[in-house]
């Protein structure tokens, strides 16, 4: 299993929205279930962040870069698995902005851990690197350490 914490700074910084992170052309059939799961996780993050920004616009400075990162991740995941993904469930955002941020951080930590696990189980080296880079970027951008 790939340890997300062992990923070098080059991979972490390579996930910036500047388009420097390489994307495999298409995930091998054996990796399609993982690609679908990664897309669902990413769409869930986008839904949570969008709902939180709608309820707490003052959190925009903290949350907009994270939202942009997840949108870029979804774009890349769609390129390796263009199939449809179910829409995320509606999100209930806490009224207290501190609780909302805590919920986001917990979700990001869980998401990064799961993406790291999917990377470790991937059949394609390129797909594994993409997932591991995504996990590391989430850790870096969300202030979460795993």
N, C-alpha and C. Protein backbone atom coordinates (compact mmCIF):
# COMPACT_ATOMS: atom_id res chain seq x y z
N UNK A 1 0.84 -1.18 0.00
CA UNK A 1 0.00 0.00 0.00
C UNK A 1 0.88 1.24 0.00
N UNK A 2 0.50 2.22 -0.75
CA UNK A 2 1.26 3.45 -0.89
C UNK A 2 1.01 4.34 0.30
N UNK A 3 2.05 4.81 0.91
CA UNK A 3 1.93 5.74 2.03
C UNK A 3 1.90 7.15 1.47
N UNK A 4 0.81 7.83 1.67
CA UNK A 4 0.64 9.17 1.12
C UNK A 4 1.71 10.10 1.68
N UNK A 5 2.07 9.95 2.91
CA UNK A 5 3.07 10.82 3.52
C UNK A 5 4.44 10.69 2.90
N UNK A 6 4.71 9.62 2.18
CA UNK A 6 6.02 9.41 1.58
C UNK A 6 6.16 10.06 0.21
N UNK A 7 5.13 10.69 -0.28
CA UNK A 7 5.17 11.30 -1.60
C UNK A 7 6.00 12.57 -1.53
N UNK A 8 6.88 12.73 -2.48
CA UNK A 8 7.79 13.87 -2.49
C UNK A 8 7.09 15.18 -2.83
N UNK A 9 7.76 16.30 -2.52
CA UNK A 9 7.19 17.61 -2.81
C UNK A 9 6.89 17.84 -4.28
N UNK A 10 7.65 17.20 -5.15
CA UNK A 10 7.40 17.40 -6.58
C UNK A 10 6.03 16.90 -6.97
N UNK A 11 5.63 15.76 -6.41
CA UNK A 11 4.30 15.25 -6.72
C UNK A 11 3.22 16.11 -6.11
N UNK A 12 3.45 16.56 -4.88
CA UNK A 12 2.45 17.38 -4.22
C UNK A 12 2.25 18.67 -4.99
N UNK A 13 3.34 19.34 -5.34
CA UNK A 13 3.20 20.60 -6.04
C UNK A 13 2.71 20.40 -7.47
N UNK A 14 2.87 19.19 -8.00
CA UNK A 14 2.44 18.91 -9.36
C UNK A 14 0.95 18.89 -9.54
N UNK A 15 0.19 19.01 -8.49
CA UNK A 15 -1.26 18.95 -8.61
C UNK A 15 -1.89 20.33 -8.60
N UNK A 16 -1.09 21.33 -8.70
CA UNK A 16 -1.64 22.67 -8.77
C UNK A 16 -2.54 22.77 -10.01
N UNK A 17 -3.43 23.69 -10.01
CA UNK A 17 -4.37 23.80 -11.11
C UNK A 17 -3.72 24.36 -12.37
N UNK A 18 -2.39 24.39 -12.41
CA UNK A 18 -1.70 24.88 -13.59
C UNK A 18 -1.63 23.82 -14.68
N UNK A 19 -2.10 22.62 -14.41
CA UNK A 19 -2.14 21.58 -15.43
C UNK A 19 -0.85 20.80 -15.54
N UNK A 20 0.00 20.80 -14.51
CA UNK A 20 1.27 20.09 -14.59
C UNK A 20 1.17 18.63 -14.17
N UNK A 21 0.10 18.22 -13.52
CA UNK A 21 -0.05 16.83 -13.11
C UNK A 21 -0.39 15.98 -14.33
N UNK A 22 0.39 14.93 -14.55
CA UNK A 22 0.11 14.07 -15.70
C UNK A 22 -1.16 13.27 -15.44
N UNK A 23 -1.88 13.02 -16.50
CA UNK A 23 -3.10 12.24 -16.42
C UNK A 23 -2.98 11.05 -17.36
N UNK A 24 -3.18 9.84 -16.84
CA UNK A 24 -3.17 8.70 -17.74
C UNK A 24 -4.27 8.88 -18.79
N UNK A 25 -4.06 8.30 -19.97
CA UNK A 25 -5.05 8.46 -21.04
C UNK A 25 -6.40 7.86 -20.65
N UNK A 26 -6.40 6.66 -20.15
CA UNK A 26 -7.63 5.99 -19.73
C UNK A 26 -7.24 4.93 -18.72
N UNK A 27 -8.03 4.82 -17.66
CA UNK A 27 -7.75 3.81 -16.65
C UNK A 27 -7.99 2.42 -17.24
N UNK A 28 -7.12 1.46 -16.94
CA UNK A 28 -7.37 0.09 -17.40
C UNK A 28 -8.68 -0.42 -16.80
N UNK A 29 -9.29 -1.38 -17.46
CA UNK A 29 -10.57 -1.91 -16.97
C UNK A 29 -10.51 -2.30 -15.50
N UNK A 30 -9.39 -2.86 -15.06
CA UNK A 30 -9.27 -3.28 -13.66
C UNK A 30 -9.34 -2.09 -12.71
N UNK A 31 -9.01 -0.91 -13.18
CA UNK A 31 -9.03 0.29 -12.34
C UNK A 31 -10.32 1.10 -12.46
N UNK A 32 -11.24 0.69 -13.32
CA UNK A 32 -12.47 1.48 -13.50
C UNK A 32 -13.30 1.60 -12.22
N UNK A 33 -13.46 0.53 -11.42
CA UNK A 33 -14.21 0.73 -10.16
C UNK A 33 -13.54 1.77 -9.25
N UNK A 34 -12.23 1.78 -9.20
CA UNK A 34 -11.52 2.78 -8.39
C UNK A 34 -11.69 4.17 -8.97
N UNK A 35 -11.67 4.27 -10.30
CA UNK A 35 -11.87 5.57 -10.94
C UNK A 35 -13.26 6.10 -10.63
N UNK A 36 -14.26 5.21 -10.67
CA UNK A 36 -15.63 5.64 -10.35
C UNK A 36 -15.72 6.10 -8.89
N UNK A 37 -15.08 5.35 -8.00
CA UNK A 37 -15.11 5.73 -6.58
C UNK A 37 -14.40 7.07 -6.36
N UNK A 38 -13.26 7.25 -7.01
CA UNK A 38 -12.53 8.51 -6.87
C UNK A 38 -13.37 9.68 -7.40
N UNK A 39 -14.07 9.46 -8.50
CA UNK A 39 -14.96 10.51 -9.03
C UNK A 39 -16.07 10.82 -8.04
N UNK A 40 -16.66 9.80 -7.45
CA UNK A 40 -17.73 10.02 -6.48
C UNK A 40 -17.22 10.78 -5.25
N UNK A 41 -16.03 10.41 -4.78
CA UNK A 41 -15.43 11.12 -3.64
C UNK A 41 -15.20 12.59 -3.98
N UNK A 42 -14.72 12.83 -5.17
CA UNK A 42 -14.41 14.19 -5.60
C UNK A 42 -15.69 15.01 -5.80
N UNK A 43 -16.69 14.40 -6.40
CA UNK A 43 -17.97 15.11 -6.55
C UNK A 43 -18.59 15.41 -5.19
N UNK A 44 -18.43 14.50 -4.24
CA UNK A 44 -18.91 14.75 -2.88
C UNK A 44 -18.21 15.94 -2.25
N UNK A 45 -16.91 16.04 -2.47
CA UNK A 45 -16.16 17.18 -1.95
C UNK A 45 -16.65 18.48 -2.57
N UNK A 46 -16.86 18.46 -3.87
CA UNK A 46 -17.35 19.66 -4.56
C UNK A 46 -18.72 20.05 -4.02
N UNK A 47 -19.60 19.08 -3.83
CA UNK A 47 -20.93 19.36 -3.28
C UNK A 47 -20.86 19.95 -1.88
N UNK A 48 -20.02 19.38 -1.04
CA UNK A 48 -19.88 19.88 0.33
C UNK A 48 -19.31 21.29 0.36
N UNK A 49 -18.28 21.51 -0.43
CA UNK A 49 -17.67 22.84 -0.46
C UNK A 49 -18.62 23.89 -1.03
N UNK A 50 -19.34 23.54 -2.08
CA UNK A 50 -20.29 24.47 -2.69
C UNK A 50 -21.40 24.83 -1.71
N UNK A 51 -21.93 23.82 -1.02
CA UNK A 51 -23.00 24.08 -0.05
C UNK A 51 -22.48 24.91 1.13
N UNK A 52 -21.27 24.63 1.57
CA UNK A 52 -20.70 25.38 2.69
C UNK A 52 -20.45 26.84 2.30
N UNK A 53 -19.95 27.04 1.07
CA UNK A 53 -19.75 28.42 0.61
C UNK A 53 -21.07 29.18 0.47
N UNK A 54 -22.11 28.48 0.08
CA UNK A 54 -23.42 29.13 -0.04
C UNK A 54 -23.93 29.56 1.33
N UNK A 55 -23.69 28.74 2.34
CA UNK A 55 -24.19 29.06 3.68
C UNK A 55 -23.26 30.02 4.42
N UNK A 56 -21.96 29.89 4.16
CA UNK A 56 -20.95 30.70 4.86
C UNK A 56 -20.02 31.38 3.85
N UNK A 57 -20.50 32.38 3.15
CA UNK A 57 -19.67 33.03 2.13
C UNK A 57 -18.37 33.62 2.68
N UNK A 58 -18.33 33.93 3.96
CA UNK A 58 -17.12 34.49 4.56
C UNK A 58 -15.98 33.48 4.59
N UNK A 59 -16.26 32.22 4.35
CA UNK A 59 -15.21 31.19 4.33
C UNK A 59 -14.58 31.05 2.95
N UNK A 60 -14.97 31.90 2.03
CA UNK A 60 -14.51 31.79 0.65
C UNK A 60 -13.01 31.80 0.48
N UNK A 61 -12.33 32.64 1.23
CA UNK A 61 -10.87 32.72 1.10
C UNK A 61 -10.23 31.37 1.39
N UNK A 62 -10.74 30.67 2.38
CA UNK A 62 -10.20 29.36 2.73
C UNK A 62 -10.67 28.25 1.79
N UNK A 63 -11.93 28.32 1.37
CA UNK A 63 -12.52 27.19 0.67
C UNK A 63 -12.42 27.25 -0.85
N UNK A 64 -12.35 28.43 -1.44
CA UNK A 64 -12.32 28.50 -2.92
C UNK A 64 -11.12 27.78 -3.54
N UNK A 65 -9.91 27.91 -2.98
CA UNK A 65 -8.78 27.16 -3.56
C UNK A 65 -8.99 25.64 -3.48
N UNK A 66 -9.56 25.18 -2.39
CA UNK A 66 -9.85 23.76 -2.24
C UNK A 66 -10.89 23.31 -3.27
N UNK A 67 -11.91 24.12 -3.47
CA UNK A 67 -12.94 23.82 -4.46
C UNK A 67 -12.34 23.77 -5.86
N UNK A 68 -11.49 24.73 -6.19
CA UNK A 68 -10.85 24.74 -7.51
C UNK A 68 -10.00 23.49 -7.70
N UNK A 69 -9.29 23.07 -6.67
CA UNK A 69 -8.47 21.87 -6.76
C UNK A 69 -9.34 20.64 -7.04
N UNK A 70 -10.44 20.50 -6.32
CA UNK A 70 -11.32 19.35 -6.53
C UNK A 70 -11.94 19.37 -7.92
N UNK A 71 -12.28 20.54 -8.42
CA UNK A 71 -12.81 20.62 -9.78
C UNK A 71 -11.78 20.17 -10.81
N UNK A 72 -10.53 20.54 -10.59
CA UNK A 72 -9.46 20.09 -11.49
C UNK A 72 -9.28 18.57 -11.37
N UNK A 73 -9.35 18.04 -10.16
CA UNK A 73 -9.25 16.59 -9.98
C UNK A 73 -10.38 15.88 -10.72
N UNK A 74 -11.59 16.42 -10.63
CA UNK A 74 -12.72 15.80 -11.32
C UNK A 74 -12.51 15.83 -12.84
N UNK A 75 -12.00 16.92 -13.34
CA UNK A 75 -11.71 17.01 -14.77
C UNK A 75 -10.73 15.92 -15.19
N UNK A 76 -9.70 15.73 -14.41
CA UNK A 76 -8.70 14.70 -14.73
C UNK A 76 -9.29 13.30 -14.60
N UNK A 77 -10.10 13.08 -13.59
CA UNK A 77 -10.73 11.76 -13.43
C UNK A 77 -11.68 11.46 -14.58
N UNK A 78 -12.37 12.48 -15.06
CA UNK A 78 -13.26 12.27 -16.21
C UNK A 78 -12.47 11.89 -17.46
N UNK A 79 -11.24 12.35 -17.55
CA UNK A 79 -10.44 12.01 -18.73
C UNK A 79 -10.00 10.55 -18.71
N UNK A 80 -9.86 9.95 -17.54
CA UNK A 80 -9.47 8.54 -17.48
C UNK A 80 -10.68 7.62 -17.39
N UNK A 81 -11.84 8.17 -17.03
CA UNK A 81 -13.07 7.40 -16.94
C UNK A 81 -14.23 8.35 -17.26
N UNK A 82 -14.55 8.48 -18.55
CA UNK A 82 -15.55 9.46 -18.94
C UNK A 82 -16.99 9.09 -18.60
N UNK A 83 -17.23 7.95 -18.05
CA UNK A 83 -18.60 7.53 -17.73
C UNK A 83 -19.26 8.43 -16.70
N UNK A 84 -20.57 8.35 -16.65
CA UNK A 84 -21.35 9.17 -15.72
C UNK A 84 -21.10 8.74 -14.28
N UNK A 85 -21.28 9.67 -13.39
CA UNK A 85 -21.18 9.43 -11.95
C UNK A 85 -22.45 9.94 -11.31
N UNK A 86 -22.93 9.22 -10.32
CA UNK A 86 -24.13 9.68 -9.61
C UNK A 86 -23.85 11.01 -8.92
N UNK A 87 -24.86 11.84 -8.89
CA UNK A 87 -24.74 13.12 -8.20
C UNK A 87 -24.63 12.87 -6.70
N UNK A 88 -23.85 13.70 -6.00
CA UNK A 88 -23.72 13.52 -4.56
C UNK A 88 -25.03 13.81 -3.85
N UNK A 89 -25.17 13.26 -2.67
CA UNK A 89 -26.35 13.50 -1.84
C UNK A 89 -26.36 14.94 -1.38
N UNK A 90 -27.55 15.46 -1.08
CA UNK A 90 -27.62 16.83 -0.55
C UNK A 90 -26.80 16.93 0.74
N UNK A 91 -26.23 18.09 0.96
CA UNK A 91 -25.34 18.29 2.10
C UNK A 91 -26.01 19.20 3.12
N UNK A 92 -25.97 18.78 4.37
CA UNK A 92 -26.46 19.62 5.46
C UNK A 92 -25.24 20.30 6.07
N UNK A 93 -25.21 21.62 5.98
CA UNK A 93 -24.07 22.40 6.47
C UNK A 93 -24.39 22.94 7.86
N UNK A 94 -23.50 22.73 8.82
CA UNK A 94 -23.73 23.29 10.17
C UNK A 94 -23.86 24.81 10.12
N UNK A 95 -24.69 25.34 11.00
CA UNK A 95 -24.89 26.79 11.06
C UNK A 95 -23.65 27.51 11.57
N UNK A 96 -22.89 26.86 12.43
CA UNK A 96 -21.68 27.46 12.98
C UNK A 96 -20.54 27.26 11.98
N UNK A 97 -19.91 28.34 11.51
CA UNK A 97 -18.85 28.21 10.51
C UNK A 97 -17.65 27.39 11.00
N UNK A 98 -17.35 27.43 12.29
CA UNK A 98 -16.24 26.63 12.82
C UNK A 98 -16.55 25.13 12.73
N UNK A 99 -17.79 24.78 13.01
CA UNK A 99 -18.20 23.37 12.87
C UNK A 99 -18.21 22.97 11.40
N UNK A 100 -18.61 23.89 10.52
CA UNK A 100 -18.61 23.59 9.09
C UNK A 100 -17.18 23.32 8.61
N UNK A 101 -16.23 24.15 9.04
CA UNK A 101 -14.83 23.94 8.67
C UNK A 101 -14.29 22.62 9.23
N UNK A 102 -14.65 22.32 10.47
CA UNK A 102 -14.20 21.06 11.07
C UNK A 102 -14.74 19.87 10.28
N UNK A 103 -15.97 19.96 9.84
CA UNK A 103 -16.56 18.88 9.05
C UNK A 103 -15.83 18.73 7.71
N UNK A 104 -15.51 19.86 7.09
CA UNK A 104 -14.78 19.82 5.82
C UNK A 104 -13.41 19.19 6.03
N UNK A 105 -12.70 19.61 7.06
CA UNK A 105 -11.37 19.05 7.32
C UNK A 105 -11.44 17.54 7.57
N UNK A 106 -12.43 17.10 8.31
CA UNK A 106 -12.58 15.66 8.56
C UNK A 106 -12.88 14.93 7.25
N UNK A 107 -13.74 15.50 6.43
CA UNK A 107 -14.06 14.88 5.14
C UNK A 107 -12.85 14.82 4.23
N UNK A 108 -12.06 15.88 4.23
CA UNK A 108 -10.86 15.92 3.40
C UNK A 108 -9.84 14.88 3.87
N UNK A 109 -9.69 14.74 5.16
CA UNK A 109 -8.76 13.73 5.69
C UNK A 109 -9.19 12.32 5.28
N UNK A 110 -10.47 12.06 5.40
CA UNK A 110 -11.01 10.76 5.00
C UNK A 110 -10.83 10.53 3.50
N UNK A 111 -11.10 11.55 2.71
CA UNK A 111 -10.97 11.47 1.25
C UNK A 111 -9.53 11.21 0.85
N UNK A 112 -8.59 11.92 1.46
CA UNK A 112 -7.17 11.73 1.14
C UNK A 112 -6.72 10.32 1.49
N UNK A 113 -7.16 9.82 2.63
CA UNK A 113 -6.81 8.46 3.03
C UNK A 113 -7.35 7.44 2.05
N UNK A 114 -8.59 7.62 1.64
CA UNK A 114 -9.20 6.67 0.70
C UNK A 114 -8.52 6.73 -0.66
N UNK A 115 -8.23 7.93 -1.15
CA UNK A 115 -7.54 8.04 -2.43
C UNK A 115 -6.15 7.40 -2.36
N UNK A 116 -5.48 7.54 -1.24
CA UNK A 116 -4.18 6.89 -1.06
C UNK A 116 -4.31 5.38 -1.11
N UNK A 117 -5.37 4.85 -0.50
CA UNK A 117 -5.61 3.41 -0.55
C UNK A 117 -5.93 2.94 -1.97
N UNK A 118 -6.73 3.72 -2.68
CA UNK A 118 -7.03 3.38 -4.08
C UNK A 118 -5.76 3.41 -4.93
N UNK A 119 -4.88 4.37 -4.64
CA UNK A 119 -3.61 4.45 -5.38
C UNK A 119 -2.78 3.20 -5.12
N UNK A 120 -2.73 2.76 -3.89
CA UNK A 120 -1.95 1.58 -3.54
C UNK A 120 -2.47 0.31 -4.19
N UNK A 121 -3.75 0.28 -4.50
CA UNK A 121 -4.37 -0.92 -5.10
C UNK A 121 -4.48 -0.82 -6.61
N UNK A 122 -4.09 0.30 -7.19
CA UNK A 122 -4.26 0.51 -8.64
C UNK A 122 -3.37 -0.45 -9.44
N UNK A 123 -3.86 -0.82 -10.60
CA UNK A 123 -3.13 -1.70 -11.50
C UNK A 123 -2.21 -0.90 -12.42
N UNK A 124 -2.61 0.27 -12.80
CA UNK A 124 -1.83 1.12 -13.69
C UNK A 124 -0.95 2.06 -12.87
N UNK A 125 0.33 2.10 -13.21
CA UNK A 125 1.24 2.99 -12.50
C UNK A 125 0.86 4.45 -12.67
N UNK A 126 0.45 4.84 -13.89
CA UNK A 126 0.06 6.22 -14.13
C UNK A 126 -1.18 6.61 -13.33
N UNK A 127 -2.14 5.70 -13.27
CA UNK A 127 -3.36 5.96 -12.52
C UNK A 127 -3.04 6.03 -11.02
N UNK A 128 -2.18 5.13 -10.55
CA UNK A 128 -1.77 5.15 -9.13
C UNK A 128 -1.10 6.48 -8.78
N UNK A 129 -0.22 6.94 -9.65
CA UNK A 129 0.45 8.23 -9.40
C UNK A 129 -0.55 9.37 -9.36
N UNK A 130 -1.52 9.34 -10.26
CA UNK A 130 -2.52 10.41 -10.28
C UNK A 130 -3.32 10.43 -8.97
N UNK A 131 -3.77 9.27 -8.52
CA UNK A 131 -4.54 9.20 -7.28
C UNK A 131 -3.69 9.61 -6.07
N UNK A 132 -2.44 9.15 -6.05
CA UNK A 132 -1.56 9.51 -4.93
C UNK A 132 -1.28 11.00 -4.91
N UNK A 133 -1.12 11.59 -6.07
CA UNK A 133 -0.90 13.03 -6.16
C UNK A 133 -2.13 13.79 -5.69
N UNK A 134 -3.30 13.30 -6.06
CA UNK A 134 -4.54 13.93 -5.60
C UNK A 134 -4.63 13.86 -4.08
N UNK A 135 -4.33 12.71 -3.50
CA UNK A 135 -4.38 12.55 -2.05
C UNK A 135 -3.41 13.52 -1.37
N UNK A 136 -2.21 13.61 -1.91
CA UNK A 136 -1.21 14.51 -1.33
C UNK A 136 -1.65 15.97 -1.46
N UNK A 137 -2.23 16.32 -2.58
CA UNK A 137 -2.70 17.70 -2.77
C UNK A 137 -3.80 18.04 -1.79
N UNK A 138 -4.69 17.10 -1.55
CA UNK A 138 -5.76 17.33 -0.56
C UNK A 138 -5.14 17.58 0.81
N UNK A 139 -4.17 16.73 1.19
CA UNK A 139 -3.49 16.93 2.47
C UNK A 139 -2.86 18.32 2.54
N UNK A 140 -2.19 18.70 1.49
CA UNK A 140 -1.48 19.97 1.46
C UNK A 140 -2.45 21.16 1.50
N UNK A 141 -3.47 21.13 0.69
CA UNK A 141 -4.39 22.26 0.57
C UNK A 141 -5.35 22.39 1.73
N UNK A 142 -5.70 21.28 2.35
CA UNK A 142 -6.71 21.34 3.41
C UNK A 142 -6.09 21.47 4.79
N UNK A 143 -4.77 21.43 4.86
CA UNK A 143 -4.11 21.53 6.17
C UNK A 143 -4.20 20.24 6.95
N UNK A 144 -4.53 19.17 6.28
CA UNK A 144 -4.68 17.87 6.93
C UNK A 144 -3.39 17.09 6.74
N UNK A 145 -2.96 16.40 7.76
CA UNK A 145 -1.81 15.51 7.61
C UNK A 145 -2.23 14.09 7.91
N UNK A 146 -1.79 13.16 7.07
CA UNK A 146 -2.11 11.75 7.28
C UNK A 146 -0.85 10.97 7.51
